[in-house]
């Protein structure tokens, strides 16, 4: 390791130790809870970023292209913190925190992507229309079932799994080949950041439940605010990094694919572990659905415009 790498690893280890200490604190007041929440959010940001960087290095060894890396490794591993949160909260009987974390993170991620597309005017390639439509279908299914059931049913969980499987086949059929991303791989940083994210996810469930007990509301709301927003940090970081490198396709694929993973397979698995209530979730589902529709519009219009210009200049 170089000197900067050693300093970063020391900071990573320091956050890990602090996160483990908070695991064993059973009685705390509002001040300790706020301090622990700040540490947890910082742990998610630093640990998630480090873990994703190391995972990219691992993906490089597999010879994956930019598109494949953005849609698979980057998308999946950028939500590894949320995966830990979802499984920890579900196993502890707080599945509404899982749903809140998923919805909060997706709302932030899809909002960032929509603003980027509308403000920058970047041309979103037609192949992302399928991703957006799949997101619309998933959100529509959640919204429809929320009017008839109090919690996510096994039938809906099965539908979400089918949507996820279809999306995987869609990714497999993509045969675009481009240069591979290059990145180093440090197993020590990889595993340290993974443990940091795991313990941070334990703490975020604990703090969400604490604020729910102290201030009221519902578990979905606190999962949405705490776990969801904190969980969107690694995605946001990776999105900005890829945009700065002018890798627009990887950035867009990162947000869309990770959002689909969370809204389908991750939510379905949480439901299979423990019942997930719809309570307080409908507004977030509607907003994400609207974001997805608004994102689809410039994709379609851009494709039609490019097609028209191509016909004009070819004639």
Protein backbone atom coordinates (compact mmCIF):
# COMPACT_ATOMS: atom_id res chain seq x y z
CA UNK A 1 0.00 0.00 0.00
CA UNK A 2 1.07 3.58 -0.68
CA UNK A 3 0.96 6.16 2.14
CA UNK A 4 -2.46 7.59 1.07
CA UNK A 5 -3.81 4.03 0.79
CA UNK A 6 -2.61 3.24 4.33
CA UNK A 7 -4.28 6.37 5.71
CA UNK A 8 -7.54 5.49 3.97
CA UNK A 9 -7.37 1.90 5.24
CA UNK A 10 -6.78 3.18 8.76
CA UNK A 11 -9.83 5.45 8.46
CA UNK A 12 -11.87 2.54 7.08
CA UNK A 13 -10.79 0.36 10.01
CA UNK A 14 -11.56 3.16 12.47
CA UNK A 15 -15.13 3.44 11.14
CA UNK A 16 -15.47 -0.34 11.36
CA UNK A 17 -14.44 -0.37 15.04
CA UNK A 18 -16.83 2.50 15.88
CA UNK A 19 -19.67 0.75 14.03
CA UNK A 20 -19.04 -2.46 15.97
CA UNK A 21 -19.08 -0.52 19.26
CA UNK A 22 -22.51 0.91 18.43
CA UNK A 23 -23.76 -2.64 17.85
CA UNK A 24 -23.23 -3.43 21.53
CA UNK A 25 -24.80 -0.21 22.88
CA UNK A 26 -28.29 -1.19 24.04
CA UNK A 27 -29.32 1.90 26.03
CA UNK A 28 -28.77 5.26 24.37
CA UNK A 29 -30.34 8.70 24.35
CA UNK A 30 -31.21 10.99 21.44
CA UNK A 31 -27.70 12.50 21.30
CA UNK A 32 -25.98 9.12 21.08
CA UNK A 33 -28.52 8.05 18.47
CA UNK A 34 -27.83 11.14 16.33
CA UNK A 35 -24.06 10.62 16.67
CA UNK A 36 -24.46 6.96 15.75
CA UNK A 37 -26.62 7.90 12.77
CA UNK A 38 -23.97 10.33 11.50
CA UNK A 39 -21.28 7.66 11.87
CA UNK A 40 -23.52 5.14 10.10
CA UNK A 41 -24.18 7.43 7.13
CA UNK A 42 -20.43 8.15 6.89
CA UNK A 43 -19.72 4.41 7.08
CA UNK A 44 -22.15 3.78 4.22
CA UNK A 45 -20.55 6.52 2.11
CA UNK A 46 -16.93 5.51 2.70
CA UNK A 47 -17.46 1.75 2.93
CA UNK A 48 -19.81 1.62 -0.05
CA UNK A 49 -17.48 3.65 -2.24
CA UNK A 50 -14.44 1.55 -1.27
CA UNK A 51 -16.30 -1.73 -1.73
CA UNK A 52 -17.55 -0.75 -5.19
CA UNK A 53 -14.06 0.38 -6.27
CA UNK A 54 -12.57 -2.95 -5.23
CA UNK A 55 -15.44 -4.83 -6.86
CA UNK A 56 -14.73 -3.04 -10.15
CA UNK A 57 -11.15 -4.26 -9.88
CA UNK A 58 -12.46 -7.77 -9.43
CA UNK A 59 -14.78 -7.31 -12.42
CA UNK A 60 -11.86 -6.13 -14.52
CA UNK A 61 -10.18 -9.49 -13.97
CA UNK A 62 -13.29 -11.09 -15.49
CA UNK A 63 -12.87 -9.03 -18.67
CA UNK A 64 -16.27 -7.30 -18.49
CA UNK A 65 -17.08 -4.37 -20.78
CA UNK A 66 -18.23 -0.93 -19.61
CA UNK A 67 -21.86 -1.69 -20.43
CA UNK A 68 -21.69 -5.08 -18.72
CA UNK A 69 -19.91 -3.60 -15.71
CA UNK A 70 -22.43 -0.77 -15.37
CA UNK A 71 -25.48 -3.01 -15.71
CA UNK A 72 -24.24 -5.91 -13.60
CA UNK A 73 -21.26 -5.51 -11.25
CA UNK A 74 -21.59 -1.76 -10.60
CA UNK A 75 -25.37 -1.86 -10.32
CA UNK A 76 -25.46 -4.89 -8.02
CA UNK A 77 -22.54 -3.98 -5.80
CA UNK A 78 -23.53 -0.31 -5.47
CA UNK A 79 -26.61 -1.56 -3.57
CA UNK A 80 -24.73 -4.03 -1.38
CA UNK A 81 -25.36 -1.78 1.65
CA UNK A 82 -29.10 -1.88 0.96
CA UNK A 83 -28.94 -5.66 0.55
CA UNK A 84 -27.50 -5.90 4.07
CA UNK A 85 -30.14 -3.47 5.40
CA UNK A 86 -33.00 -5.37 3.77
CA UNK A 87 -31.92 -8.78 5.04
CA UNK A 88 -31.01 -7.53 8.51
CA UNK A 89 -34.31 -5.69 8.96
CA UNK A 90 -36.36 -8.57 7.53
CA UNK A 91 -34.67 -11.18 9.72
CA UNK A 92 -35.29 -8.97 12.77
CA UNK A 93 -38.99 -8.66 11.88
CA UNK A 94 -38.86 -5.05 10.60
CA UNK A 95 -39.66 -5.68 6.94
CA UNK A 96 -41.31 -2.28 6.56
CA UNK A 97 -37.85 -0.78 7.08
CA UNK A 98 -36.72 -2.92 4.13
CA UNK A 99 -39.47 -1.52 1.91
CA UNK A 100 -38.75 2.02 3.08
CA UNK A 101 -35.04 1.62 2.37
CA UNK A 102 -35.73 0.33 -1.15
CA UNK A 103 -38.24 3.04 -1.98
CA UNK A 104 -36.19 5.87 -0.47
CA UNK A 105 -33.07 4.84 -2.34
CA UNK A 106 -34.90 4.35 -5.65
CA UNK A 107 -36.67 7.69 -5.37
CA UNK A 108 -33.38 9.51 -4.84
CA UNK A 109 -31.58 7.55 -7.59
CA UNK A 110 -34.34 7.92 -10.20
CA UNK A 111 -34.72 11.60 -9.28
CA UNK A 112 -31.00 12.22 -9.81
CA UNK A 113 -31.08 10.42 -13.17
CA UNK A 114 -34.17 12.33 -14.36
CA UNK A 115 -32.68 15.70 -13.40
CA UNK A 116 -29.40 14.80 -15.12
CA UNK A 117 -31.16 13.82 -18.36
CA UNK A 118 -33.43 16.89 -18.42
CA UNK A 119 -30.75 19.42 -17.42
CA UNK A 120 -27.80 18.09 -19.41
CA UNK A 121 -29.83 17.22 -22.50
CA UNK A 122 -27.75 14.06 -22.93
CA UNK A 123 -29.16 11.61 -25.48
CA UNK A 124 -30.30 8.45 -23.71
CA UNK A 125 -29.87 5.46 -25.99
CA UNK A 126 -32.94 3.53 -27.08
CA UNK A 127 -31.84 0.30 -25.40
CA UNK A 128 -32.49 1.94 -22.02
CA UNK A 129 -36.17 2.21 -22.92
CA UNK A 130 -36.58 -1.47 -21.97
CA UNK A 131 -35.06 -0.80 -18.53
CA UNK A 132 -37.38 2.15 -17.99
CA UNK A 133 -40.45 0.19 -19.10
CA UNK A 134 -39.53 -2.65 -16.73
CA UNK A 135 -39.30 -0.12 -13.89
CA UNK A 136 -42.73 1.25 -14.86
CA UNK A 137 -44.22 -2.26 -14.84
CA UNK A 138 -42.74 -3.05 -11.40
CA UNK A 139 -44.03 0.20 -9.88
CA UNK A 140 -47.44 -0.25 -11.53
CA UNK A 141 -47.74 -3.73 -10.04
CA UNK A 142 -46.88 -2.41 -6.56
CA UNK A 143 -49.36 0.46 -6.91
CA UNK A 144 -52.17 -1.81 -8.14
CA UNK A 145 -51.72 -4.35 -5.33
CA UNK A 146 -51.52 -1.58 -2.70
CA UNK A 147 -55.17 -0.70 -3.41
CA UNK A 148 -56.36 -4.24 -2.67
CA UNK A 149 -53.98 -5.62 -0.04
CA UNK A 150 -52.46 -4.36 3.22
CA UNK A 151 -49.14 -6.09 2.58
CA UNK A 152 -47.14 -7.49 -0.33
CA UNK A 153 -48.54 -10.90 -1.20
CA UNK A 154 -46.63 -13.97 -2.31
CA UNK A 155 -48.31 -13.61 -5.72
CA UNK A 156 -46.86 -10.11 -6.10
CA UNK A 157 -43.45 -11.35 -4.89
CA UNK A 158 -43.58 -14.04 -7.58
CA UNK A 159 -44.49 -11.42 -10.22
CA UNK A 160 -41.53 -9.28 -9.14
CA UNK A 161 -39.22 -12.29 -9.43
CA UNK A 162 -40.52 -12.97 -12.95
CA UNK A 163 -39.86 -9.33 -13.90
CA UNK A 164 -36.32 -9.67 -12.56
CA UNK A 165 -35.71 -12.91 -14.51
CA UNK A 166 -36.97 -11.24 -17.70
CA UNK A 167 -34.61 -8.34 -17.09
CA UNK A 168 -31.67 -10.72 -16.62
CA UNK A 169 -32.43 -12.32 -19.99
CA UNK A 170 -32.57 -8.82 -21.47
CA UNK A 171 -29.08 -8.09 -20.09
CA UNK A 172 -27.71 -11.42 -21.33
CA UNK A 173 -28.95 -10.67 -24.86
CA UNK A 174 -26.99 -7.41 -24.89
CA UNK A 175 -23.91 -8.23 -26.94
CA UNK A 176 -22.22 -4.82 -27.11
CA UNK A 177 -18.46 -5.12 -26.72
CA UNK A 178 -16.24 -2.25 -25.67
CA UNK A 179 -12.99 -1.79 -23.83
CA UNK A 180 -12.88 -3.07 -20.29
CA UNK A 181 -12.67 -0.80 -17.26
CA UNK A 182 -9.36 -0.85 -15.47
CA UNK A 183 -8.99 -0.81 -11.70
CA UNK A 184 -6.76 -2.26 -8.99
CA UNK A 185 -7.99 -4.87 -6.56
CA UNK A 186 -7.01 -5.01 -2.86
CA UNK A 187 -8.59 -7.97 -0.99
CA UNK A 188 -7.85 -6.37 2.42
CA UNK A 189 -9.80 -3.21 1.58
CA UNK A 190 -12.49 -5.30 -0.11
CA UNK A 191 -13.28 -7.40 2.97
CA UNK A 192 -12.83 -4.55 5.47
CA UNK A 193 -15.32 -2.38 3.57
CA UNK A 194 -17.72 -5.33 3.29
CA UNK A 195 -17.69 -5.83 7.08
CA UNK A 196 -18.09 -2.07 7.57
CA UNK A 197 -21.22 -2.04 5.39
CA UNK A 198 -22.61 -5.06 7.23
CA UNK A 199 -22.27 -3.51 10.70
CA UNK A 200 -23.50 -0.15 9.42
CA UNK A 201 -26.62 -1.88 8.09
CA UNK A 202 -27.19 -3.41 11.53
CA UNK A 203 -26.97 0.05 13.07
CA UNK A 204 -29.27 1.70 10.54
CA UNK A 205 -32.00 -0.82 11.38
CA UNK A 206 -31.48 -0.18 15.11
CA UNK A 207 -31.59 3.61 14.71
CA UNK A 208 -34.62 3.48 12.41
CA UNK A 209 -36.50 1.48 15.03
CA UNK A 210 -35.30 3.83 17.79
CA UNK A 211 -36.59 6.97 16.06
CA UNK A 212 -39.82 5.15 15.23
CA UNK A 213 -40.28 4.35 18.94
CA UNK A 214 -39.26 7.85 20.05
CA UNK A 215 -41.01 10.06 17.49
CA UNK A 216 -43.77 7.83 16.12
CA UNK A 217 -44.82 7.56 12.49
CA UNK A 218 -44.28 4.15 10.91
CA UNK A 219 -41.33 1.89 10.19
CA UNK A 220 -41.63 2.48 6.43
CA UNK A 221 -41.15 6.23 6.94
CA UNK A 222 -38.02 5.87 9.06
CA UNK A 223 -36.61 3.19 6.77
CA UNK A 224 -37.29 5.55 3.86
CA UNK A 225 -35.61 8.54 5.51
CA UNK A 226 -32.64 6.87 7.21
CA UNK A 227 -31.86 3.64 5.35
CA UNK A 228 -33.12 4.82 1.96
CA UNK A 229 -31.26 8.11 1.76
CA UNK A 230 -28.09 6.67 3.31
CA UNK A 231 -28.33 3.67 0.99
CA UNK A 232 -28.43 5.88 -2.10
CA UNK A 233 -25.01 7.40 -1.34
CA UNK A 234 -22.86 4.71 -3.06
CA UNK A 235 -25.06 4.87 -6.16
CA UNK A 236 -24.82 8.65 -6.23
CA UNK A 237 -21.05 8.53 -5.84
CA UNK A 238 -20.61 5.97 -8.62
CA UNK A 239 -23.03 7.88 -10.86
CA UNK A 240 -21.05 11.11 -10.48
CA UNK A 241 -17.74 9.31 -11.01
CA UNK A 242 -18.88 7.67 -14.25
CA UNK A 243 -20.46 10.94 -15.50
CA UNK A 244 -17.22 12.81 -14.78
CA UNK A 245 -15.38 10.20 -16.85
CA UNK A 246 -17.95 10.83 -19.64
CA UNK A 247 -19.17 7.25 -19.39
CA UNK A 248 -22.84 8.22 -19.75
CA UNK A 249 -24.04 4.74 -20.72
CA UNK A 250 -22.41 3.15 -17.67
CA UNK A 251 -23.89 5.86 -15.41
CA UNK A 252 -27.42 5.50 -16.77
CA UNK A 253 -27.16 1.71 -16.72
CA UNK A 254 -25.95 1.85 -13.12
CA UNK A 255 -29.01 3.78 -11.87
CA UNK A 256 -31.62 1.93 -13.93
CA UNK A 257 -30.28 -1.57 -13.25
CA UNK A 258 -29.74 -1.05 -9.52
CA UNK A 259 -33.25 0.44 -9.20
CA UNK A 260 -34.74 -2.58 -10.97
CA UNK A 261 -32.76 -5.00 -8.78
CA UNK A 262 -34.08 -3.32 -5.63
CA UNK A 263 -37.68 -2.96 -6.81
CA UNK A 264 -37.95 -6.58 -7.94
CA UNK A 265 -35.71 -9.32 -6.56
CA UNK A 266 -34.63 -7.53 -3.37
CA UNK A 267 -38.20 -6.61 -2.40
CA UNK A 268 -39.43 -10.09 -3.32
CA UNK A 269 -36.79 -11.77 -1.12
CA UNK A 270 -37.65 -9.45 1.78
CA UNK A 271 -41.29 -10.49 1.41
CA UNK A 272 -40.38 -14.17 1.46
CA UNK A 273 -38.45 -13.66 4.71
CA UNK A 274 -41.08 -11.62 6.54
CA UNK A 275 -44.41 -9.91 5.63
CA UNK A 276 -43.95 -6.42 4.14
CA UNK A 277 -46.70 -3.87 4.79
CA UNK A 278 -47.85 -1.33 2.19
CA UNK A 279 -48.47 1.20 4.97
CA UNK A 280 -47.15 4.66 4.04
CA UNK A 281 -45.58 3.49 0.77
CA UNK A 282 -48.11 4.50 -1.90
CA UNK A 283 -46.91 8.08 -2.40
CA UNK A 284 -43.31 6.96 -2.96
CA UNK A 285 -44.47 4.30 -5.45
CA UNK A 286 -46.44 6.93 -7.39
CA UNK A 287 -43.49 9.38 -7.44
CA UNK A 288 -41.05 6.73 -8.71
CA UNK A 289 -43.63 5.68 -11.32
CA UNK A 290 -43.97 9.30 -12.49
CA UNK A 291 -40.16 9.69 -12.60
CA UNK A 292 -39.91 6.56 -14.75
CA UNK A 293 -42.59 7.76 -17.20
CA UNK A 294 -40.95 11.19 -17.45
CA UNK A 295 -37.61 9.49 -18.17
CA UNK A 296 -39.16 7.33 -20.90
CA UNK A 297 -40.54 10.36 -22.77
CA UNK A 298 -37.15 11.91 -23.77
CA UNK A 299 -35.84 8.44 -24.67
CA UNK A 300 -38.70 7.90 -27.13
CA UNK A 301 -38.65 11.46 -28.48
CA UNK A 302 -34.87 11.34 -28.91
CA UNK A 303 -35.11 8.07 -30.84
CA UNK A 304 -37.85 9.44 -33.12
CA UNK A 305 -35.87 12.63 -33.74
CA UNK A 306 -32.66 10.75 -34.58
CA UNK A 307 -34.63 8.44 -36.86
CA UNK A 308 -36.20 11.42 -38.65
CA UNK A 309 -32.85 13.16 -39.09
CA UNK A 310 -31.28 9.96 -40.41
CA UNK A 311 -34.05 9.60 -43.00
CA UNK A 312 -33.69 13.27 -43.97
CA UNK A 313 -29.95 13.13 -44.58
CA UNK A 314 -30.02 9.70 -46.23
CA UNK A 315 -32.59 10.79 -48.80
